Every structure is written in structure tokens, then in C-alpha cells.
Amino acid sequence: MSAIWAPDLSMAFEFVGAGAPYENNAYISLDTGEIYWTSEMNPMDEDVPDYLETSDRYLSVPHKTDLDLGKRLALRFAARELPACYDQVASFFHRKGAYARFKALLDSKGALYRWYAYEAESIEQALRAWCAENGLELSESPRSPG
């Protein structure tokens, strides 16, 4: 079982989720735990192995939508924390700019910091479950060099 440092995985997850699905990618070596980063916006780094996408020794870090951490997470939060606003929140996700409107509503209701805490906890739980499903050990201490 390969180990990955929790902050490294979080950073890779944020990088992958910062773009549309498949725009940014991060791959974890199952042999070393090292993370390789690729992006449609920038050519691949010279240090990135050519066979990342086809080898069974590299695991692609999921996009937030792969782990149900996008729209559905926002809707679960609205149902739990602001049930009277659920329909309004749901309507936000029918057009562009949904998260900006969602966060503005949360701010106006004094729930923005609760959202951030809920989102962070949900991401941590989802990444821990993803690691367990894929045979990765999530480490709280950094890898030793070498």
C-alpha cells in the first residue's frame, strides 16, 4: 500500500477541481506516492512519465464531480442548513454563475462559514474513502526524501 501525504492529496484535488473535468489532471504513483501534474493549458513537464494515463501503476486524482462534491453537495447543505431556500439554491444551478449566487445567498443568511466547514469536512471524508477504495494510505506526515 502506497502512502500519500494528506496535504499533497488535498492540493492535487484542488488543482484537478480548479478546471473543468479532464482540464487539469494529477496522477499518484502507486509505487512511490509521488504526484505528477498535467494540464490542458500547459504542456506536460519533462519529468512526467509518458505512460501516466495508460499505466496501472498511476491513479488519477478524481475531480470533485466524481466524488459528488459539486452541485449535489451544495444542495445537501441547503436542505440541511437552509431548507426554506432550497428551491432558490436549486434554481441557481440551472445557469452559469451558480456558486457565486449560492455563496452570496449563504453570506446574506450568515451561513457562509458553516458552508466552508461543511465543504471541507465533506471533501476530507470523500478523499479518505477514495484512498481506502484505491489502496492508498493517507499519511498525516510528509514523505521522507529519497
N, C-alpha and C. Protein backbone atom coordinates (compact mmCIF):
# COMPACT_ATOMS: atom_id res chain seq x y z
N MET A 1 0.85 -1.19 0.00
CA MET A 1 0.00 0.00 0.00
C MET A 1 0.89 1.24 0.00
N SER A 2 0.67 2.09 -0.97
CA SER A 2 1.45 3.32 -1.09
C SER A 2 0.85 4.38 -0.17
N ALA A 3 1.71 5.21 0.38
CA ALA A 3 1.25 6.29 1.26
C ALA A 3 1.32 7.62 0.53
N ILE A 4 0.34 8.47 0.80
CA ILE A 4 0.32 9.82 0.25
C ILE A 4 0.05 10.78 1.39
N TRP A 5 0.80 11.87 1.39
CA TRP A 5 0.65 12.89 2.43
C TRP A 5 -0.65 13.64 2.20
N ALA A 6 -1.48 13.75 3.23
CA ALA A 6 -2.81 14.36 3.12
C ALA A 6 -2.77 15.75 2.47
N PRO A 7 -1.88 16.67 2.87
CA PRO A 7 -1.86 17.98 2.22
C PRO A 7 -1.51 17.92 0.73
N ASP A 8 -0.65 16.97 0.34
CA ASP A 8 -0.32 16.81 -1.08
C ASP A 8 -1.56 16.37 -1.86
N LEU A 9 -2.30 15.42 -1.31
CA LEU A 9 -3.52 14.95 -1.97
C LEU A 9 -4.54 16.08 -2.04
N SER A 10 -4.68 16.85 -0.99
CA SER A 10 -5.62 17.97 -1.00
C SER A 10 -5.26 18.99 -2.07
N MET A 11 -3.97 19.28 -2.19
CA MET A 11 -3.51 20.23 -3.20
C MET A 11 -3.78 19.69 -4.61
N ALA A 12 -3.52 18.41 -4.82
CA ALA A 12 -3.76 17.80 -6.13
C ALA A 12 -5.26 17.81 -6.43
N PHE A 13 -6.07 17.52 -5.44
CA PHE A 13 -7.53 17.52 -5.62
C PHE A 13 -8.03 18.92 -5.99
N GLU A 14 -7.52 19.94 -5.33
CA GLU A 14 -7.90 21.33 -5.65
C GLU A 14 -7.47 21.69 -7.06
N PHE A 15 -6.27 21.28 -7.47
CA PHE A 15 -5.77 21.54 -8.82
C PHE A 15 -6.68 20.90 -9.87
N VAL A 16 -7.02 19.64 -9.66
CA VAL A 16 -7.89 18.93 -10.61
C VAL A 16 -9.27 19.60 -10.66
N GLY A 17 -9.79 19.99 -9.51
CA GLY A 17 -11.11 20.59 -9.43
C GLY A 17 -11.17 22.05 -9.87
N ALA A 18 -10.02 22.67 -10.07
CA ALA A 18 -9.99 24.09 -10.44
C ALA A 18 -10.44 24.31 -11.88
N GLY A 19 -10.43 23.26 -12.67
CA GLY A 19 -10.87 23.38 -14.06
C GLY A 19 -12.03 22.46 -14.33
N ALA A 20 -12.45 22.46 -15.57
CA ALA A 20 -13.49 21.53 -15.99
C ALA A 20 -12.91 20.11 -15.91
N PRO A 21 -13.76 19.10 -15.81
CA PRO A 21 -13.23 17.73 -15.79
C PRO A 21 -12.27 17.49 -16.96
N TYR A 22 -11.16 16.87 -16.67
CA TYR A 22 -10.09 16.49 -17.61
C TYR A 22 -9.24 17.67 -18.10
N GLU A 23 -9.50 18.88 -17.62
CA GLU A 23 -8.67 20.02 -18.00
C GLU A 23 -7.35 20.00 -17.23
N ASN A 24 -7.43 19.76 -15.94
CA ASN A 24 -6.26 19.60 -15.09
C ASN A 24 -6.29 18.18 -14.55
N ASN A 25 -5.13 17.54 -14.50
CA ASN A 25 -5.05 16.17 -14.01
C ASN A 25 -3.88 16.03 -13.06
N ALA A 26 -4.03 15.13 -12.12
CA ALA A 26 -2.94 14.76 -11.23
C ALA A 26 -2.97 13.25 -11.09
N TYR A 27 -1.79 12.65 -11.10
CA TYR A 27 -1.66 11.20 -11.03
C TYR A 27 -0.74 10.84 -9.88
N ILE A 28 -1.15 9.84 -9.12
CA ILE A 28 -0.36 9.36 -7.99
C ILE A 28 0.31 8.06 -8.38
N SER A 29 1.62 8.01 -8.19
CA SER A 29 2.35 6.76 -8.43
C SER A 29 2.01 5.78 -7.30
N LEU A 30 1.51 4.62 -7.66
CA LEU A 30 1.19 3.62 -6.65
C LEU A 30 2.45 2.99 -6.06
N ASP A 31 3.59 3.19 -6.72
CA ASP A 31 4.85 2.65 -6.23
C ASP A 31 5.55 3.59 -5.25
N THR A 32 5.47 4.90 -5.52
CA THR A 32 6.23 5.85 -4.71
C THR A 32 5.36 6.86 -3.95
N GLY A 33 4.10 7.03 -4.36
CA GLY A 33 3.25 8.05 -3.75
C GLY A 33 3.48 9.43 -4.34
N GLU A 34 4.42 9.54 -5.27
CA GLU A 34 4.70 10.84 -5.90
C GLU A 34 3.52 11.25 -6.78
N ILE A 35 3.28 12.57 -6.85
CA ILE A 35 2.18 13.10 -7.65
C ILE A 35 2.74 13.80 -8.87
N TYR A 36 2.14 13.51 -10.02
CA TYR A 36 2.50 14.16 -11.29
C TYR A 36 1.31 15.00 -11.73
N TRP A 37 1.60 16.21 -12.20
CA TRP A 37 0.56 17.18 -12.56
C TRP A 37 0.58 17.41 -14.07
N THR A 38 -0.60 17.45 -14.69
CA THR A 38 -0.70 17.79 -16.10
C THR A 38 -1.87 18.75 -16.28
N SER A 39 -1.83 19.51 -17.36
CA SER A 39 -2.89 20.47 -17.63
C SER A 39 -3.04 20.68 -19.12
N GLU A 40 -4.25 20.88 -19.56
CA GLU A 40 -4.51 21.21 -20.96
C GLU A 40 -3.91 22.58 -21.29
N MET A 41 -3.78 23.44 -20.30
CA MET A 41 -3.31 24.81 -20.50
C MET A 41 -1.79 24.88 -20.69
N ASN A 42 -1.07 23.94 -20.12
CA ASN A 42 0.39 23.93 -20.21
C ASN A 42 0.86 22.57 -20.70
N PRO A 43 1.88 22.56 -21.55
CA PRO A 43 2.40 21.26 -21.99
C PRO A 43 2.94 20.46 -20.81
N MET A 44 3.01 19.17 -21.00
CA MET A 44 3.48 18.30 -19.92
C MET A 44 4.93 18.61 -19.54
N ASP A 45 5.18 18.50 -18.29
CA ASP A 45 6.51 18.68 -17.73
C ASP A 45 7.43 17.58 -18.25
N GLU A 46 8.70 17.85 -18.38
CA GLU A 46 9.65 16.83 -18.83
C GLU A 46 9.75 15.67 -17.85
N ASP A 47 9.48 15.93 -16.57
CA ASP A 47 9.60 14.90 -15.54
C ASP A 47 8.39 13.97 -15.46
N VAL A 48 7.34 14.27 -16.24
CA VAL A 48 6.13 13.46 -16.19
C VAL A 48 6.27 12.25 -17.11
N PRO A 49 6.08 11.05 -16.58
CA PRO A 49 6.17 9.85 -17.43
C PRO A 49 5.15 9.89 -18.57
N ASP A 50 5.55 9.40 -19.75
CA ASP A 50 4.69 9.41 -20.92
C ASP A 50 3.46 8.51 -20.78
N TYR A 51 3.54 7.51 -19.94
CA TYR A 51 2.52 6.47 -19.86
C TYR A 51 1.58 6.64 -18.66
N LEU A 52 1.50 7.85 -18.12
CA LEU A 52 0.66 8.10 -16.95
C LEU A 52 -0.79 7.63 -17.14
N GLU A 53 -1.36 7.97 -18.28
CA GLU A 53 -2.79 7.72 -18.49
C GLU A 53 -3.09 6.26 -18.82
N THR A 54 -2.09 5.50 -19.19
CA THR A 54 -2.34 4.11 -19.60
C THR A 54 -1.80 3.07 -18.63
N SER A 55 -0.90 3.45 -17.77
CA SER A 55 -0.30 2.50 -16.83
C SER A 55 -1.23 2.23 -15.65
N ASP A 56 -1.21 0.99 -15.18
CA ASP A 56 -2.00 0.66 -13.99
C ASP A 56 -1.22 0.98 -12.71
N ARG A 57 -0.06 1.60 -12.83
CA ARG A 57 0.75 1.97 -11.67
C ARG A 57 0.54 3.43 -11.25
N TYR A 58 -0.37 4.12 -11.95
CA TYR A 58 -0.69 5.51 -11.62
C TYR A 58 -2.20 5.64 -11.46
N LEU A 59 -2.60 6.35 -10.45
CA LEU A 59 -4.00 6.54 -10.14
C LEU A 59 -4.35 8.00 -10.38
N SER A 60 -5.37 8.24 -11.17
CA SER A 60 -5.81 9.60 -11.46
C SER A 60 -6.58 10.16 -10.27
N VAL A 61 -6.18 11.34 -9.81
CA VAL A 61 -6.88 12.01 -8.72
C VAL A 61 -8.26 12.44 -9.25
N PRO A 62 -9.32 12.15 -8.51
CA PRO A 62 -10.66 12.45 -9.03
C PRO A 62 -10.97 13.95 -9.04
N HIS A 63 -11.87 14.32 -9.93
CA HIS A 63 -12.44 15.67 -9.97
C HIS A 63 -13.53 15.70 -8.90
N LYS A 64 -13.84 16.88 -8.39
CA LYS A 64 -14.85 16.98 -7.33
C LYS A 64 -16.20 16.41 -7.77
N THR A 65 -16.51 16.51 -9.06
CA THR A 65 -17.79 15.95 -9.52
C THR A 65 -17.78 14.43 -9.47
N ASP A 66 -16.60 13.82 -9.57
CA ASP A 66 -16.50 12.36 -9.47
C ASP A 66 -16.86 11.86 -8.07
N LEU A 67 -16.69 12.72 -7.09
CA LEU A 67 -16.94 12.34 -5.70
C LEU A 67 -18.22 12.97 -5.15
N ASP A 68 -19.04 13.49 -6.04
CA ASP A 68 -20.32 14.12 -5.66
C ASP A 68 -20.11 15.34 -4.76
N LEU A 69 -19.07 16.12 -5.05
CA LEU A 69 -18.74 17.27 -4.21
C LEU A 69 -19.00 18.60 -4.92
N GLY A 70 -19.82 18.58 -5.93
CA GLY A 70 -20.17 19.80 -6.65
C GLY A 70 -21.57 20.25 -6.27
N LYS A 71 -22.42 20.31 -7.27
CA LYS A 71 -23.80 20.77 -7.11
C LYS A 71 -24.54 19.98 -6.03
N ARG A 72 -24.38 18.67 -6.02
CA ARG A 72 -25.13 17.85 -5.05
C ARG A 72 -24.74 18.16 -3.61
N LEU A 73 -23.47 18.48 -3.39
CA LEU A 73 -23.04 18.85 -2.04
C LEU A 73 -23.71 20.15 -1.62
N ALA A 74 -23.74 21.12 -2.52
CA ALA A 74 -24.40 22.40 -2.22
C ALA A 74 -25.88 22.19 -1.92
N LEU A 75 -26.52 21.31 -2.67
CA LEU A 75 -27.95 21.04 -2.44
C LEU A 75 -28.17 20.32 -1.11
N ARG A 76 -27.28 19.40 -0.76
CA ARG A 76 -27.40 18.72 0.54
C ARG A 76 -27.25 19.73 1.68
N PHE A 77 -26.31 20.65 1.52
CA PHE A 77 -26.11 21.67 2.55
C PHE A 77 -27.34 22.55 2.67
N ALA A 78 -27.88 22.99 1.53
CA ALA A 78 -29.08 23.84 1.56
C ALA A 78 -30.24 23.12 2.22
N ALA A 79 -30.43 21.85 1.91
CA ALA A 79 -31.53 21.08 2.51
C ALA A 79 -31.38 20.99 4.02
N ARG A 80 -30.13 20.85 4.46
CA ARG A 80 -29.86 20.69 5.90
C ARG A 80 -29.87 22.02 6.65
N GLU A 81 -29.22 23.03 6.08
CA GLU A 81 -29.00 24.28 6.80
C GLU A 81 -29.98 25.41 6.45
N LEU A 82 -30.49 25.41 5.23
CA LEU A 82 -31.40 26.49 4.78
C LEU A 82 -32.57 25.89 4.00
N PRO A 83 -33.36 25.04 4.64
CA PRO A 83 -34.42 24.35 3.90
C PRO A 83 -35.41 25.30 3.22
N ALA A 84 -35.66 26.45 3.80
CA ALA A 84 -36.59 27.41 3.20
C ALA A 84 -36.03 27.98 1.90
N CYS A 85 -34.72 27.90 1.69
CA CYS A 85 -34.07 28.44 0.49
C CYS A 85 -33.70 27.36 -0.52
N TYR A 86 -34.09 26.11 -0.25
CA TYR A 86 -33.66 25.00 -1.10
C TYR A 86 -34.03 25.21 -2.57
N ASP A 87 -35.27 25.57 -2.85
CA ASP A 87 -35.69 25.74 -4.25
C ASP A 87 -34.91 26.86 -4.92
N GLN A 88 -34.63 27.91 -4.19
CA GLN A 88 -33.84 29.02 -4.74
C GLN A 88 -32.42 28.53 -5.08
N VAL A 89 -31.81 27.79 -4.17
CA VAL A 89 -30.47 27.26 -4.42
C VAL A 89 -30.49 26.32 -5.61
N ALA A 90 -31.47 25.44 -5.67
CA ALA A 90 -31.58 24.52 -6.81
C ALA A 90 -31.69 25.28 -8.12
N SER A 91 -32.42 26.38 -8.12
CA SER A 91 -32.57 27.17 -9.36
C SER A 91 -31.25 27.81 -9.78
N PHE A 92 -30.37 28.10 -8.83
CA PHE A 92 -29.06 28.68 -9.17
C PHE A 92 -28.29 27.76 -10.13
N PHE A 93 -28.44 26.47 -9.97
CA PHE A 93 -27.63 25.51 -10.71
C PHE A 93 -28.17 25.18 -12.10
N HIS A 94 -29.13 25.99 -12.55
CA HIS A 94 -29.64 25.83 -13.91
C HIS A 94 -28.95 26.75 -14.90
N ARG A 95 -28.03 27.58 -14.40
CA ARG A 95 -27.30 28.50 -15.30
C ARG A 95 -25.92 28.83 -14.72
N LYS A 96 -25.12 29.46 -15.54
CA LYS A 96 -23.76 29.83 -15.13
C LYS A 96 -23.77 30.75 -13.91
N GLY A 97 -22.66 30.70 -13.17
CA GLY A 97 -22.51 31.57 -12.01
C GLY A 97 -23.22 31.06 -10.77
N ALA A 98 -23.55 29.78 -10.76
CA ALA A 98 -24.31 29.21 -9.65
C ALA A 98 -23.60 29.36 -8.31
N TYR A 99 -22.31 29.07 -8.27
CA TYR A 99 -21.60 29.12 -6.99
C TYR A 99 -21.48 30.54 -6.46
N ALA A 100 -21.33 31.51 -7.33
CA ALA A 100 -21.27 32.90 -6.88
C ALA A 100 -22.61 33.30 -6.24
N ARG A 101 -23.70 32.94 -6.89
CA ARG A 101 -25.03 33.25 -6.33
C ARG A 101 -25.27 32.47 -5.04
N PHE A 102 -24.86 31.20 -5.04
CA PHE A 102 -25.01 30.36 -3.85
C PHE A 102 -24.27 30.97 -2.66
N LYS A 103 -23.03 31.36 -2.88
CA LYS A 103 -22.23 31.92 -1.79
C LYS A 103 -22.75 33.29 -1.35
N ALA A 104 -23.27 34.08 -2.28
CA ALA A 104 -23.86 35.37 -1.91
C ALA A 104 -25.09 35.14 -1.02
N LEU A 105 -25.91 34.16 -1.36
CA LEU A 105 -27.07 33.84 -0.53
C LEU A 105 -26.62 33.38 0.85
N LEU A 106 -25.64 32.48 0.89
CA LEU A 106 -25.15 32.00 2.18
C LEU A 106 -24.63 33.14 3.03
N ASP A 107 -23.90 34.06 2.39
CA ASP A 107 -23.37 35.22 3.11
C ASP A 107 -24.52 36.07 3.68
N SER A 108 -25.54 36.27 2.88
CA SER A 108 -26.67 37.09 3.34
C SER A 108 -27.44 36.43 4.48
N LYS A 109 -27.36 35.11 4.57
CA LYS A 109 -28.05 34.36 5.63
C LYS A 109 -27.14 34.03 6.81
N GLY A 110 -25.88 34.49 6.74
CA GLY A 110 -24.94 34.22 7.82
C GLY A 110 -24.49 32.76 7.87
N ALA A 111 -24.53 32.08 6.72
CA ALA A 111 -24.20 30.65 6.69
C ALA A 111 -22.95 30.33 5.89
N LEU A 112 -22.23 31.34 5.44
CA LEU A 112 -21.09 31.10 4.57
C LEU A 112 -19.99 30.30 5.27
N TYR A 113 -19.67 30.64 6.51
CA TYR A 113 -18.61 29.92 7.21
C TYR A 113 -19.03 28.49 7.54
N ARG A 114 -20.32 28.28 7.79
CA ARG A 114 -20.82 26.91 8.01
C ARG A 114 -20.67 26.10 6.72
N TRP A 115 -20.91 26.74 5.57
CA TRP A 115 -20.72 26.07 4.28
C TRP A 115 -19.27 25.66 4.10
N TYR A 116 -18.35 26.59 4.36
CA TYR A 116 -16.94 26.26 4.19
C TYR A 116 -16.52 25.08 5.08
N ALA A 117 -17.01 25.05 6.31
CA ALA A 117 -16.68 23.95 7.22
C ALA A 117 -17.31 22.64 6.72
N TYR A 118 -18.54 22.71 6.28
CA TYR A 118 -19.24 21.53 5.75
C TYR A 118 -18.54 21.01 4.50
N GLU A 119 -18.18 21.92 3.62
CA GLU A 119 -17.49 21.52 2.38
C GLU A 119 -16.14 20.87 2.69
N ALA A 120 -15.37 21.48 3.58
CA ALA A 120 -14.05 20.94 3.94
C ALA A 120 -14.18 19.55 4.56
N GLU A 121 -15.11 19.38 5.46
CA GLU A 121 -15.33 18.08 6.09
C GLU A 121 -15.78 17.03 5.07
N SER A 122 -16.65 17.43 4.16
CA SER A 122 -17.13 16.51 3.12
C SER A 122 -16.00 16.09 2.18
N ILE A 123 -15.15 17.03 1.83
CA ILE A 123 -14.01 16.73 0.96
C ILE A 123 -13.06 15.77 1.67
N GLU A 124 -12.75 16.05 2.92
CA GLU A 124 -11.84 15.17 3.66
C GLU A 124 -12.40 13.76 3.76
N GLN A 125 -13.67 13.62 4.08
CA GLN A 125 -14.29 12.29 4.17
C GLN A 125 -14.27 11.58 2.82
N ALA A 126 -14.59 12.30 1.76
CA ALA A 126 -14.63 11.69 0.42
C ALA A 126 -13.23 11.25 -0.01
N LEU A 127 -12.21 12.07 0.27
CA LEU A 127 -10.85 11.70 -0.12
C LEU A 127 -10.35 10.51 0.70
N ARG A 128 -10.69 10.46 1.97
CA ARG A 128 -10.30 9.31 2.80
C ARG A 128 -10.95 8.03 2.27
N ALA A 129 -12.21 8.11 1.92
CA ALA A 129 -12.91 6.94 1.37
C ALA A 129 -12.31 6.54 0.02
N TRP A 130 -11.99 7.52 -0.81
CA TRP A 130 -11.39 7.26 -2.12
C TRP A 130 -10.03 6.57 -1.95
N CYS A 131 -9.23 7.06 -1.00
CA CYS A 131 -7.93 6.42 -0.74
C CYS A 131 -8.11 4.97 -0.30
N ALA A 132 -9.03 4.73 0.61
CA ALA A 132 -9.28 3.37 1.09
C ALA A 132 -9.72 2.47 -0.05
N GLU A 133 -10.59 2.96 -0.92
CA GLU A 133 -11.08 2.17 -2.06
C GLU A 133 -9.97 1.84 -3.05
N ASN A 134 -8.96 2.69 -3.11
CA ASN A 134 -7.90 2.54 -4.10
C ASN A 134 -6.57 2.05 -3.52
N GLY A 135 -6.59 1.61 -2.27
CA GLY A 135 -5.40 1.03 -1.67
C GLY A 135 -4.31 2.04 -1.34
N LEU A 136 -4.69 3.28 -1.09
CA LEU A 136 -3.72 4.31 -0.70
C LEU A 136 -3.85 4.57 0.79
N GLU A 137 -2.72 4.73 1.43
CA GLU A 137 -2.72 5.10 2.84
C GLU A 137 -2.55 6.61 2.91
N LEU A 138 -3.46 7.28 3.60
CA LEU A 138 -3.38 8.73 3.76
C LEU A 138 -2.54 9.03 4.99
N SER A 139 -1.41 9.67 4.77
CA SER A 139 -0.45 9.94 5.84
C SER A 139 -0.60 11.38 6.33
N GLU A 140 -0.48 11.56 7.63
CA GLU A 140 -0.53 12.91 8.20
C GLU A 140 0.87 13.53 8.31
N SER A 141 1.90 12.76 7.96
CA SER A 141 3.25 13.32 7.98
C SER A 141 3.85 13.19 6.58
N PRO A 142 4.72 14.16 6.21
CA PRO A 142 5.27 14.16 4.86
C PRO A 142 6.16 12.97 4.60
N ARG A 143 6.26 12.62 3.30
CA ARG A 143 7.17 11.55 2.89
C ARG A 143 8.59 11.98 3.17
N SER A 144 9.42 11.06 3.55
CA SER A 144 10.83 11.39 3.72
C SER A 144 11.48 11.40 2.35
N PRO A 145 12.38 12.36 2.10
CA PRO A 145 13.01 12.45 0.79
C PRO A 145 13.89 11.23 0.51
N GLY A 146 13.99 10.91 -0.78
CA GLY A 146 14.91 9.87 -1.17
C GLY A 146 14.21 8.64 -1.44
